[in-house]
Amino acid sequence: QVQLVESGGGLVQTGGSLRLSCAASGFSFSVNSMAWYRQAPGSQRELVARITSGGNTNYADSVKGRFTISRDNAKNTVYLQMNSLKPEDTAVYYCAKFDWSPEYRRWGQGTQVTVSS
């Protein structure tokens, strides 16, 4: 069964950096697109970044130039490097096995990122 385990969240000051990791198992990681989503209190879950099996990436406009998604297929791990963090980046961040059909996406448990002003 699909398992996604996030790590790396925490409390950071405005302008700081964090690196999230997501260890995947239970499926063929290298042939699947992976993504990071986030959900702030009172808001809908939103796509932050996505990376295809071939390494192509796309980002939400709000994080372009500050966040970088990457993957290591040898380690079955996807990363999210977050720089120049802002208070509005505060949210629970979720790793996902991406699918264009939402019902087929699979989620990790989430990791809290809090950016203090």
Protein backbone atom coordinates (compact mmCIF):
# COMPACT_ATOMS: atom_id res chain seq x y z
CA GLN A 1 0.00 0.00 0.00
CA VAL A 2 1.09 3.56 -0.65
CA GLN A 3 2.92 5.21 2.23
CA LEU A 4 4.17 8.78 2.25
CA VAL A 5 6.02 10.10 5.29
CA GLU A 6 6.86 13.79 5.47
CA SER A 7 9.51 15.37 7.66
CA GLY A 8 11.33 18.65 8.02
CA GLY A 9 8.61 21.03 9.11
CA GLY A 10 8.98 23.42 11.99
CA LEU A 11 9.03 27.02 13.15
CA VAL A 12 11.13 29.53 11.26
CA GLN A 13 11.39 33.31 11.11
CA THR A 14 10.42 35.38 8.10
CA GLY A 15 13.13 35.12 5.47
CA GLY A 16 14.33 31.76 6.72
CA SER A 17 14.52 28.40 4.98
CA LEU A 18 13.26 24.88 5.50
CA ARG A 19 13.64 21.66 3.55
CA LEU A 20 10.79 19.19 3.58
CA SER A 21 11.33 15.54 2.71
CA CYS A 22 8.83 12.85 1.78
CA ALA A 23 9.82 9.19 1.86
CA ALA A 24 7.63 7.07 -0.39
CA SER A 25 6.96 3.35 -0.47
CA GLY A 26 4.42 0.87 -1.75
CA PHE A 27 4.41 1.94 -5.40
CA SER A 28 6.72 2.53 -8.34
CA PHE A 29 8.04 5.90 -7.26
CA SER A 30 10.21 6.67 -10.29
CA VAL A 31 7.36 6.50 -12.80
CA ASN A 32 4.95 8.67 -10.87
CA SER A 33 4.52 12.41 -10.60
CA MET A 34 4.81 13.72 -7.06
CA ALA A 35 3.58 16.93 -5.54
CA TRP A 36 3.51 19.10 -2.47
CA TYR A 37 0.27 20.71 -1.32
CA ARG A 38 -0.46 22.93 1.62
CA GLN A 39 -3.49 23.84 3.67
CA ALA A 40 -3.74 26.85 5.93
CA PRO A 41 -6.44 27.12 8.62
CA GLY A 42 -9.77 27.99 7.07
CA SER A 43 -8.45 27.53 3.55
CA GLN A 44 -8.66 24.85 0.90
CA ARG A 45 -5.74 22.60 0.18
CA GLU A 46 -3.69 24.07 -2.66
CA LEU A 47 -1.02 22.76 -4.98
CA VAL A 48 2.39 24.21 -4.18
CA ALA A 49 4.66 22.32 -6.59
CA ARG A 50 4.65 19.26 -8.80
CA ILE A 51 7.41 17.19 -10.38
CA THR A 52 6.90 14.64 -13.12
CA SER A 53 8.70 11.33 -13.50
CA GLY A 54 10.92 13.06 -16.03
CA GLY A 55 11.81 15.88 -13.68
CA ASN A 56 9.64 18.62 -15.14
CA THR A 57 8.33 20.98 -12.50
CA ASN A 58 5.62 23.53 -12.02
CA TYR A 59 4.85 25.86 -9.13
CA ALA A 60 2.10 27.96 -7.69
CA ASP A 61 2.64 31.61 -8.56
CA SER A 62 2.92 32.46 -4.88
CA VAL A 63 6.07 30.34 -4.43
CA LYS A 64 7.84 30.71 -7.78
CA GLY A 65 11.44 31.74 -7.33
CA ARG A 66 11.42 30.82 -3.64
CA PHE A 67 10.56 27.09 -3.51
CA THR A 68 12.21 24.22 -5.37
CA ILE A 69 10.82 20.72 -5.72
CA SER A 70 13.19 17.86 -6.49
CA ARG A 71 13.29 14.09 -6.34
CA ASP A 72 15.79 11.32 -5.72
CA ASN A 73 14.51 8.15 -7.36
CA ALA A 74 17.28 6.07 -5.80
CA LYS A 75 15.94 7.03 -2.36
CA ASN A 76 12.25 7.14 -3.27
CA THR A 77 12.17 10.63 -1.81
CA VAL A 78 10.78 13.96 -2.93
CA TYR A 79 11.94 17.25 -1.45
CA LEU A 80 10.68 20.80 -1.14
CA GLN A 81 13.32 23.43 -0.52
CA MET A 82 11.65 26.56 0.80
CA ASN A 83 13.59 29.82 0.90
CA SER A 84 12.63 33.39 1.75
CA LEU A 85 9.73 32.14 3.79
CA LYS A 86 6.84 34.47 4.56
CA PRO A 87 4.14 34.33 7.25
CA GLU A 88 1.60 33.50 4.53
CA ASP A 89 3.51 30.27 3.87
CA THR A 90 2.33 29.00 7.25
CA ALA A 91 0.32 25.83 6.67
CA VAL A 92 0.32 22.08 6.95
CA TYR A 93 2.32 20.75 4.01
CA TYR A 94 1.31 17.45 2.44
CA CYS A 95 3.24 15.21 0.12
CA ALA A 96 1.14 13.54 -2.55
CA LYS A 97 1.38 10.84 -5.15
CA PHE A 98 -0.04 12.98 -7.88
CA ASP A 99 -2.87 12.02 -10.20
CA TRP A 100 -4.97 14.24 -12.43
CA SER A 101 -8.03 12.58 -10.86
CA PRO A 102 -8.23 13.74 -7.23
CA GLU A 103 -9.74 10.47 -6.06
CA TYR A 104 -6.57 8.65 -7.03
CA ARG A 105 -4.19 10.95 -5.20
CA ARG A 106 -2.56 9.57 -2.09
CA TRP A 107 -1.47 11.69 0.82
CA GLY A 108 1.04 11.78 3.60
CA GLN A 109 0.07 12.76 7.13
CA GLY A 110 1.31 16.32 6.71
CA THR A 111 3.96 18.40 8.41
CA GLN A 112 3.41 21.78 10.01
CA VAL A 113 5.35 24.80 8.76
CA THR A 114 5.03 27.98 10.79
CA VAL A 115 6.67 31.23 9.72
CA SER A 116 6.82 33.90 12.40
CA SER A 117 6.86 37.60 11.56
